[in-house]
C-alpha atoms as a PDB file:
ATOM      1  CA  MET A   1      -0.045   0.003   0.027  1.00  0.00           C
ATOM      2  CA  LEU A   2       2.812   2.370   0.934  1.00  0.00           C
ATOM      3  CA  LYS A   3       4.716   1.551  -2.240  1.00  0.00           C
ATOM      4  CA  SER A   4       1.560   2.227  -4.253  1.00  0.00           C
ATOM      5  CA  LEU A   5       1.156   5.619  -2.607  1.00  0.00           C
ATOM      6  CA  SER A   6       4.801   6.459  -3.202  1.00  0.00           C
ATOM      7  CA  VAL A   7       4.361   5.652  -6.948  1.00  0.00           C
ATOM      8  CA  PHE A   8       1.274   7.806  -7.003  1.00  0.00           C
ATOM      9  CA  ALA A   9       2.997  10.704  -5.422  1.00  0.00           C
ATOM     10  CA  VAL A  10       5.805  10.505  -7.954  1.00  0.00           C
ATOM     11  CA  CYS A  11       3.274  10.460 -10.706  1.00  0.00           C
ATOM     12  CA  LEU A  12       1.646  13.520  -9.298  1.00  0.00           C
ATOM     13  CA  SER A  13       4.976  15.267  -8.959  1.00  0.00           C
ATOM     14  CA  THR A  14       5.801  14.515 -12.590  1.00  0.00           C
ATOM     15  CA  LEU A  15       2.341  15.703 -13.676  1.00  0.00           C
ATOM     16  CA  CYS A  16       2.789  18.912 -11.731  1.00  0.00           C
ATOM     17  CA  PHE A  17       6.120  19.407 -13.408  1.00  0.00           C
ATOM     18  CA  VAL A  18       4.611  18.851 -16.938  1.00  0.00           C
ATOM     19  CA  LEU A  19       1.833  21.204 -16.115  1.00  0.00           C
ATOM     20  CA  THR A  20       4.201  23.891 -14.887  1.00  0.00           C
ATOM     21  CA  SER A  21       6.377  23.577 -17.926  1.00  0.00           C
ATOM     22  CA  SER A  22       3.341  23.849 -20.200  1.00  0.00           C
ATOM     23  CA  VAL A  23       2.096  26.995 -18.334  1.00  0.00           C
ATOM     24  CA  LEU A  24       5.559  28.534 -18.585  1.00  0.00           C
ATOM     25  CA  GLN A  25       5.787  27.667 -22.223  1.00  0.00           C
ATOM     26  CA  ALA A  26       2.295  29.170 -22.877  1.00  0.00           C
ATOM     27  CA  GLU A  27       3.394  32.490 -21.144  1.00  0.00           C
ATOM     28  CA  GLU A  28       6.459  32.700 -23.246  1.00  0.00           C
ATOM     29  CA  ASN A  29       4.498  32.125 -26.442  1.00  0.00           C
ATOM     30  CA  ALA A  30       2.067  34.798 -25.318  1.00  0.00           C
ATOM     31  CA  LYS A  31       4.897  37.416 -25.246  1.00  0.00           C
ATOM     32  CA  SER A  32       5.878  39.612 -28.146  1.00  0.00           C
ATOM     33  CA  TYR A  33       9.330  40.470 -29.293  1.00  0.00           C
ATOM     34  CA  TYR A  34      10.766  42.986 -31.843  1.00  0.00           C
ATOM     35  CA  LEU A  35      14.396  43.101 -33.039  1.00  0.00           C
ATOM     36  CA  ILE A  36      16.117  46.086 -34.777  1.00  0.00           C
ATOM     37  CA  GLY A  37      19.548  45.725 -36.193  1.00  0.00           C
ATOM     38  CA  ASN A  38      21.628  44.583 -39.031  1.00  0.00           C
ATOM     39  CA  SER A  39      23.063  41.244 -40.169  1.00  0.00           C
ATOM     40  CA  LEU A  40      24.533  40.706 -36.700  1.00  0.00           C
ATOM     41  CA  THR A  41      20.958  40.714 -35.468  1.00  0.00           C
ATOM     42  CA  TRP A  42      20.090  38.332 -38.198  1.00  0.00           C
ATOM     43  CA  ASP A  43      22.863  35.973 -37.072  1.00  0.00           C
ATOM     44  CA  THR A  44      20.817  35.563 -33.913  1.00  0.00           C
ATOM     45  CA  VAL A  45      18.166  33.936 -36.173  1.00  0.00           C
ATOM     46  CA  PRO A  46      15.042  35.666 -34.955  1.00  0.00           C
ATOM     47  CA  SER A  47      12.786  33.244 -36.928  1.00  0.00           C
ATOM     48  CA  LEU A  48      13.725  30.498 -34.440  1.00  0.00           C
ATOM     49  CA  LEU A  49      12.695  32.470 -31.362  1.00  0.00           C
ATOM     50  CA  GLU A  50       9.560  31.484 -29.548  1.00  0.00           C
ATOM     51  CA  GLY A  51       6.447  33.517 -29.244  1.00  0.00           C
ATOM     52  CA  ASP A  52       5.208  36.525 -31.398  1.00  0.00           C
ATOM     53  CA  VAL A  53       8.396  37.836 -33.122  1.00  0.00           C
ATOM     54  CA  GLN A  54       8.909  40.642 -35.634  1.00  0.00           C
ATOM     55  CA  TRP A  55      12.128  42.330 -36.748  1.00  0.00           C
ATOM     56  CA  HIS A  56      13.511  45.259 -38.920  1.00  0.00           C
ATOM     57  CA  VAL A  57      16.837  44.190 -40.207  1.00  0.00           C
ATOM     58  CA  ASP A  58      18.959  46.370 -42.551  1.00  0.00           C
ATOM     59  CA  CYS A  59      22.333  44.946 -43.561  1.00  0.00           C
ATOM     60  CA  GLY A  60      25.454  46.874 -42.406  1.00  0.00           C
ATOM     61  CA  LYS A  61      23.469  49.826 -40.954  1.00  0.00           C
ATOM     62  CA  SER A  62      23.735  51.582 -37.604  1.00  0.00           C
ATOM     63  CA  LEU A  63      20.745  52.362 -35.514  1.00  0.00           C
ATOM     64  CA  PRO A  64      20.781  56.040 -36.457  1.00  0.00           C
ATOM     65  CA  TYR A  65      20.728  55.076 -40.160  1.00  0.00           C
ATOM     66  CA  ILE A  66      17.792  52.639 -39.622  1.00  0.00           C
ATOM     67  CA  MET A  67      16.025  55.391 -37.743  1.00  0.00           C
ATOM     68  CA  ALA A  68      16.281  57.809 -40.514  1.00  0.00           C
ATOM     69  CA  HIS A  69      15.932  55.419 -43.428  1.00  0.00           C
ATOM     70  CA  PRO A  70      13.420  52.682 -42.592  1.00  0.00           C
ATOM     71  CA  GLU A  71      11.881  52.246 -45.992  1.00  0.00           C
ATOM     72  CA  MET A  72      13.779  49.406 -47.639  1.00  0.00           C
ATOM     73  CA  PRO A  73      15.685  47.073 -45.252  1.00  0.00           C
ATOM     74  CA  CYS A  74      17.593  44.280 -46.865  1.00  0.00           C
ATOM     75  CA  VAL A  75      15.734  41.518 -45.157  1.00  0.00           C
ATOM     76  CA  LYS A  76      12.368  41.546 -46.923  1.00  0.00           C
ATOM     77  CA  THR A  77      10.430  39.836 -44.131  1.00  0.00           C
ATOM     78  CA  SER A  78      10.989  42.861 -41.999  1.00  0.00           C
ATOM     79  CA  THR A  79       8.045  44.647 -40.395  1.00  0.00           C
ATOM     80  CA  LEU A  80       9.179  48.264 -40.799  1.00  0.00           C
ATOM     81  CA  TRP A  81       9.758  49.904 -37.313  1.00  0.00           C
ATOM     82  CA  PRO A  82       7.523  52.990 -37.881  1.00  0.00           C
ATOM     83  CA  GLN A  83       4.589  50.643 -38.491  1.00  0.00           C
ATOM     84  CA  ALA A  84       5.487  48.032 -35.871  1.00  0.00           C
ATOM     85  CA  LEU A  85       6.193  50.352 -33.006  1.00  0.00           C
ATOM     86  CA  LYS A  86       3.213  52.544 -33.717  1.00  0.00           C
ATOM     87  CA  GLU A  87       0.662  49.823 -34.154  1.00  0.00           C
ATOM     88  CA  LYS A  88       1.715  47.417 -31.355  1.00  0.00           C
ATOM     89  CA  GLN A  89       3.184  47.507 -27.853  1.00  0.00           C
ATOM     90  CA  TYR A  90       5.904  44.831 -27.427  1.00  0.00           C
ATOM     91  CA  ASP A  91       7.017  43.130 -24.190  1.00  0.00           C
ATOM     92  CA  LEU A  92      10.759  42.902 -25.230  1.00  0.00           C
ATOM     93  CA  ILE A  93      12.669  44.825 -27.840  1.00  0.00           C
ATOM     94  CA  SER A  94      16.205  44.243 -28.942  1.00  0.00           C
ATOM     95  CA  VAL A  95      18.233  47.048 -30.571  1.00  0.00           C
ATOM     96  CA  GLN A  96      21.759  46.519 -31.959  1.00  0.00           C
ATOM     97  CA  THR A  97      24.324  49.226 -31.900  1.00  0.00           C
ATOM     98  CA  HIS A  98      26.894  49.137 -34.769  1.00  0.00           C
ATOM     99  CA  TYR A  99      29.860  50.849 -36.415  1.00  0.00           C
ATOM    100  CA  GLY A 100      29.290  54.503 -37.472  1.00  0.00           C
ATOM    101  CA  ALA A 101      27.293  55.701 -34.522  1.00  0.00           C
ATOM    102  CA  THR A 102      28.550  57.715 -31.556  1.00  0.00           C
ATOM    103  CA  LEU A 103      27.217  57.029 -28.017  1.00  0.00           C
ATOM    104  CA  ASP A 104      25.124  60.277 -28.123  1.00  0.00           C
ATOM    105  CA  GLU A 105      23.619  59.212 -31.444  1.00  0.00           C
ATOM    106  CA  ASP A 106      22.852  55.713 -30.155  1.00  0.00           C
ATOM    107  CA  LEU A 107      21.365  57.128 -27.068  1.00  0.00           C
ATOM    108  CA  ALA A 108      19.156  59.620 -28.905  1.00  0.00           C
ATOM    109  CA  THR A 109      17.981  56.957 -31.300  1.00  0.00           C
ATOM    110  CA  ILE A 110      17.200  54.274 -28.796  1.00  0.00           C
ATOM    111  CA  SER A 111      15.380  56.813 -26.583  1.00  0.00           C
ATOM    112  CA  LYS A 112      12.978  57.683 -29.289  1.00  0.00           C
ATOM    113  CA  TRP A 113      12.000  53.897 -29.584  1.00  0.00           C
ATOM    114  CA  VAL A 114      11.866  53.701 -25.729  1.00  0.00           C
ATOM    115  CA  ASP A 115       9.443  56.633 -25.770  1.00  0.00           C
ATOM    116  CA  MET A 116       7.295  54.780 -28.341  1.00  0.00           C
ATOM    117  CA  GLN A 117       7.134  51.592 -26.269  1.00  0.00           C
ATOM    118  CA  PRO A 118       6.569  52.668 -22.611  1.00  0.00           C
ATOM    119  CA  ASN A 119       6.160  49.188 -21.229  1.00  0.00           C
ATOM    120  CA  ALA A 120       8.811  47.239 -23.167  1.00  0.00           C
ATOM    121  CA  ILE A 121      11.971  45.875 -21.636  1.00  0.00           C
ATOM    122  CA  PHE A 122      14.890  46.929 -24.015  1.00  0.00           C
ATOM    123  CA  ILE A 123      17.835  44.745 -24.751  1.00  0.00           C
ATOM    124  CA  ILE A 124      21.141  46.055 -26.239  1.00  0.00           C
ATOM    125  CA  HIS A 125      22.354  43.439 -28.645  1.00  0.00           C
ATOM    126  CA  THR A 126      26.150  44.064 -28.565  1.00  0.00           C
ATOM    127  CA  GLY A 127      26.856  42.608 -31.930  1.00  0.00           C
ATOM    128  CA  TRP A 128      30.587  41.828 -32.314  1.00  0.00           C
ATOM    129  CA  ALA A 129      33.554  43.157 -34.019  1.00  0.00           C
ATOM    130  CA  ARG A 130      35.378  42.031 -37.181  1.00  0.00           C
ATOM    131  CA  SER A 131      37.650  39.101 -36.190  1.00  0.00           C
ATOM    132  CA  LYS A 132      40.781  41.113 -37.143  1.00  0.00           C
ATOM    133  CA  THR A 133      39.956  43.960 -34.728  1.00  0.00           C
ATOM    134  CA  ARG A 134      37.933  42.027 -32.084  1.00  0.00           C
ATOM    135  CA  ALA A 135      40.560  41.898 -29.434  1.00  0.00           C
ATOM    136  CA  GLU A 136      41.542  45.594 -29.894  1.00  0.00           C
ATOM    137  CA  GLU A 137      38.048  46.723 -29.794  1.00  0.00           C
ATOM    138  CA  TYR A 138      37.120  44.627 -26.804  1.00  0.00           C
ATOM    139  CA  ALA A 139      39.969  46.058 -24.678  1.00  0.00           C
ATOM    140  CA  SER A 140      39.187  49.717 -25.651  1.00  0.00           C
ATOM    141  CA  LYS A 141      38.336  52.020 -22.743  1.00  0.00           C
ATOM    142  CA  VAL A 142      37.276  54.810 -25.091  1.00  0.00           C
ATOM    143  CA  VAL A 143      33.642  55.892 -25.423  1.00  0.00           C
ATOM    144  CA  THR A 144      34.141  59.087 -27.331  1.00  0.00           C
ATOM    145  CA  GLY A 145      34.125  59.022 -31.179  1.00  0.00           C
ATOM    146  CA  LYS A 146      32.497  56.130 -33.019  1.00  0.00           C
ATOM    147  CA  MET A 147      31.203  53.088 -31.270  1.00  0.00           C
ATOM    148  CA  GLN A 148      33.451  50.028 -30.642  1.00  0.00           C
ATOM    149  CA  HIS A 149      32.392  46.534 -29.566  1.00  0.00           C
ATOM    150  CA  SER A 150      33.739  46.865 -26.127  1.00  0.00           C
ATOM    151  CA  PRO A 151      32.236  46.242 -22.660  1.00  0.00           C
ATOM    152  CA  THR A 152      33.150  49.901 -21.778  1.00  0.00           C
ATOM    153  CA  TYR A 153      31.080  51.219 -24.630  1.00  0.00           C
ATOM    154  CA  MET A 154      28.111  48.925 -23.859  1.00  0.00           C
ATOM    155  CA  LYS A 155      28.205  49.733 -20.059  1.00  0.00           C
ATOM    156  CA  ALA A 156      28.280  53.511 -20.895  1.00  0.00           C
ATOM    157  CA  LEU A 157      25.325  53.176 -23.217  1.00  0.00           C
ATOM    158  CA  LEU A 158      23.379  51.225 -20.755  1.00  0.00           C
ATOM    159  CA  ALA A 159      24.232  53.610 -17.888  1.00  0.00           C
ATOM    160  CA  ALA A 160      23.086  56.545 -19.955  1.00  0.00           C
ATOM    161  CA  LEU A 161      19.796  54.869 -20.813  1.00  0.00           C
ATOM    162  CA  GLN A 162      19.141  53.847 -17.179  1.00  0.00           C
ATOM    163  CA  LYS A 163      19.958  57.383 -16.009  1.00  0.00           C
ATOM    164  CA  LYS A 164      17.440  58.771 -18.541  1.00  0.00           C
ATOM    165  CA  TYR A 165      14.768  56.231 -17.757  1.00  0.00           C
ATOM    166  CA  PRO A 166      15.394  55.168 -14.091  1.00  0.00           C
ATOM    167  CA  GLU A 167      12.121  53.221 -14.009  1.00  0.00           C
ATOM    168  CA  ARG A 168      12.770  51.081 -17.086  1.00  0.00           C
ATOM    169  CA  LYS A 169      14.524  47.744 -17.418  1.00  0.00           C
ATOM    170  CA  PHE A 170      17.573  47.439 -19.779  1.00  0.00           C
ATOM    171  CA  LYS A 171      19.503  44.274 -20.525  1.00  0.00           C
ATOM    172  CA  GLN A 172      22.191  43.078 -23.013  1.00  0.00           C
ATOM    173  CA  THR A 173      22.996  39.968 -24.858  1.00  0.00           C
ATOM    174  CA  HIS A 174      26.685  39.947 -23.923  1.00  0.00           C
ATOM    175  CA  ALA A 175      27.667  38.548 -27.389  1.00  0.00           C
ATOM    176  CA  ILE A 176      31.080  40.251 -27.215  1.00  0.00           C
ATOM    177  CA  ASP A 177      31.773  38.668 -23.947  1.00  0.00           C
ATOM    178  CA  LEU A 178      30.942  35.245 -25.163  1.00  0.00           C
ATOM    179  CA  LEU A 179      33.356  35.602 -28.008  1.00  0.00           C
ATOM    180  CA  ASP A 180      35.994  36.765 -25.697  1.00  0.00           C
ATOM    181  CA  GLN A 181      35.456  33.851 -23.438  1.00  0.00           C
ATOM    182  CA  VAL A 182      35.885  31.505 -26.486  1.00  0.00           C
ATOM    183  CA  ASN A 183      39.078  33.297 -27.474  1.00  0.00           C
ATOM    184  CA  THR A 184      40.357  32.922 -23.925  1.00  0.00           C
ATOM    185  CA  ASP A 185      39.495  29.197 -23.932  1.00  0.00           C
ATOM    186  CA  ILE A 186      41.324  28.691 -27.196  1.00  0.00           C
ATOM    187  CA  LYS A 187      44.421  30.298 -25.881  1.00  0.00           C
ATOM    188  CA  ASN A 188      44.237  27.921 -22.856  1.00  0.00           C
ATOM    189  CA  ASN A 189      43.543  24.869 -25.086  1.00  0.00           C
ATOM    190  CA  LYS A 190      40.002  24.524 -23.521  1.00  0.00           C
ATOM    191  CA  ALA A 191      38.016  25.028 -26.718  1.00  0.00           C
ATOM    192  CA  PRO A 192      37.412  22.835 -29.703  1.00  0.00           C
ATOM    193  CA  PHE A 193      38.666  25.465 -32.150  1.00  0.00           C
ATOM    194  CA  ASP A 194      42.151  26.501 -33.183  1.00  0.00           C
ATOM    195  CA  GLU A 195      41.518  30.286 -33.524  1.00  0.00           C
ATOM    196  CA  ILE A 196      38.489  32.613 -33.026  1.00  0.00           C
ATOM    197  CA  THR A 197      37.970  32.866 -36.805  1.00  0.00           C
ATOM    198  CA  ASP A 198      36.837  29.172 -36.619  1.00  0.00           C
ATOM    199  CA  ILE A 199      33.525  30.478 -35.318  1.00  0.00           C
ATOM    200  CA  TYR A 200      33.290  33.203 -37.948  1.00  0.00           C
ATOM    201  CA  ARG A 201      32.156  32.457 -41.598  1.00  0.00           C
ATOM    202  CA  ASP A 202      33.760  35.633 -43.011  1.00  0.00           C
ATOM    203  CA  ALA A 203      35.278  38.866 -41.736  1.00  0.00           C
ATOM    204  CA  ILE A 204      32.419  39.594 -39.328  1.00  0.00           C
ATOM    205  CA  HIS A 205      29.522  37.148 -39.567  1.00  0.00           C
ATOM    206  CA  MET A 206      29.070  33.975 -37.487  1.00  0.00           C
ATOM    207  CA  LYS A 207      29.187  30.514 -39.009  1.00  0.00           C
ATOM    208  CA  THR A 208      25.630  29.188 -39.635  1.00  0.00           C
ATOM    209  CA  ASP A 209      26.104  26.209 -37.362  1.00  0.00           C
ATOM    210  CA  THR A 210      28.450  26.906 -34.323  1.00  0.00           C
ATOM    211  CA  GLY A 211      28.458  30.648 -34.386  1.00  0.00           C
ATOM    212  CA  ARG A 212      24.805  31.147 -34.887  1.00  0.00           C
ATOM    213  CA  TYR A 213      24.004  28.462 -32.255  1.00  0.00           C
ATOM    214  CA  LEU A 214      25.946  30.603 -29.740  1.00  0.00           C
ATOM    215  CA  MET A 215      24.385  33.905 -30.709  1.00  0.00           C
ATOM    216  CA  HIS A 216      20.858  32.594 -31.051  1.00  0.00           C
ATOM    217  CA  ASN A 217      21.010  31.231 -27.545  1.00  0.00           C
ATOM    218  CA  ALA A 218      22.556  34.372 -26.230  1.00  0.00           C
ATOM    219  CA  MET A 219      19.648  36.316 -27.619  1.00  0.00           C
ATOM    220  CA  ARG A 220      17.276  33.752 -26.136  1.00  0.00           C
ATOM    221  CA  HIS A 221      18.830  34.184 -22.856  1.00  0.00           C
ATOM    222  CA  ALA A 222      18.482  37.921 -22.911  1.00  0.00           C
ATOM    223  CA  LEU A 223      14.798  37.660 -23.902  1.00  0.00           C
ATOM    224  CA  GLY A 224      14.158  35.250 -21.202  1.00  0.00           C
ATOM    225  CA  GLN A 225      13.596  32.325 -23.361  1.00  0.00           C
ATOM    226  CA  PRO A 226      14.963  28.789 -22.682  1.00  0.00           C
ATOM    227  CA  ARG A 227      17.970  27.472 -24.527  1.00  0.00           C
ATOM    228  CA  SER A 228      17.081  25.619 -27.778  1.00  0.00           C
ATOM    229  CA  GLU A 229      18.862  23.264 -30.180  1.00  0.00           C
ATOM    230  CA  LYS A 230      16.116  23.549 -32.812  1.00  0.00           C
ATOM    231  CA  GLY A 231      17.845  24.007 -36.161  1.00  0.00           C
ATOM    232  CA  TYR A 232      21.136  23.116 -34.820  1.00  0.00           C
ATOM    233  CA  GLU A 233      20.614  19.356 -34.433  1.00  0.00           C
ATOM    234  CA  LYS A 234      23.588  18.528 -36.663  1.00  0.00           C
ATOM    235  CA  VAL A 235      26.154  20.549 -34.728  1.00  0.00           C
ATOM    236  CA  ASP A 236      28.886  18.230 -33.342  1.00  0.00           C
ATOM    237  CA  PRO A 237      27.732  17.165 -29.891  1.00  0.00           C
ATOM    238  CA  GLN A 238      31.086  17.882 -28.203  1.00  0.00           C
ATOM    239  CA  VAL A 239      31.294  21.316 -29.874  1.00  0.00           C
ATOM    240  CA  LYS A 240      27.681  22.062 -28.727  1.00  0.00           C
ATOM    241  CA  GLN A 241      28.560  20.889 -25.125  1.00  0.00           C
ATOM    242  CA  TYR A 242      31.308  23.369 -25.086  1.00  0.00           C
ATOM    243  CA  LEU A 243      29.268  26.184 -26.495  1.00  0.00           C
ATOM    244  CA  ASN A 244      26.672  25.367 -23.774  1.00  0.00           C
ATOM    245  CA  GLN A 245      29.238  25.834 -21.199  1.00  0.00           C
ATOM    246  CA  VAL A 246      30.212  29.255 -22.562  1.00  0.00           C
ATOM    247  CA  LEU A 247      26.442  30.125 -22.565  1.00  0.00           C
ATOM    248  CA  ASP A 248      26.430  29.009 -18.917  1.00  0.00           C
ATOM    249  CA  THR A 249      28.628  31.912 -17.999  1.00  0.00           C
ATOM    250  CA  LEU A 250      25.645  34.307 -18.791  1.00  0.00           C
ATOM    251  CA  LYS A 251      24.067  35.500 -15.557  1.00  0.00           C
END
């Protein structure tokens, strides 16, 4: 009799877990997400995110350019930001800073979108540098002049936004930090790569398997979505295990 009750309790516990997971999944699917950026945002593979997702992606462009020229983004499945942000209130919005903008320009541009979306959590997608300049940019402590893919620049941008909007919530994807972790692991012979360019497919973009797996799940983490292997089933299991360890460094 006691054994039967024990089995019954375990079954109830499992059922409770299944129901809880289903509820959480339903809540995530009910949320809405909008991503603004260029091909480095596209490398996070927005189409594989969960829930109600739209994007405005224009290749090689900075946020001020996208703000000023929204008419013809390179990704034709884009929902143009003037229409999207006017007609709908999103739960989470990702914006990607890029070469060509200054800190003041990024702040002014993002602020306009923050004002249009008073209830959204904003995520700064850090993007990443060209492989040849990655280490130099990452180490830079300069925030004047044009943007660089450095923690110093990202922290300064986030601090400026938080000061201007003290009641709002701002986050970041930490993509630049993940790449620096991979580079450190390579130097210490702890990564399944010979050099950092092994995760790039060209001068700046991520490989469509390993690199995009890392960046897609970095974006999912920032948006509060669970890690996913959907679309990346063919990635070498040992490489995937390593990349998961890198993703585990995200707080």
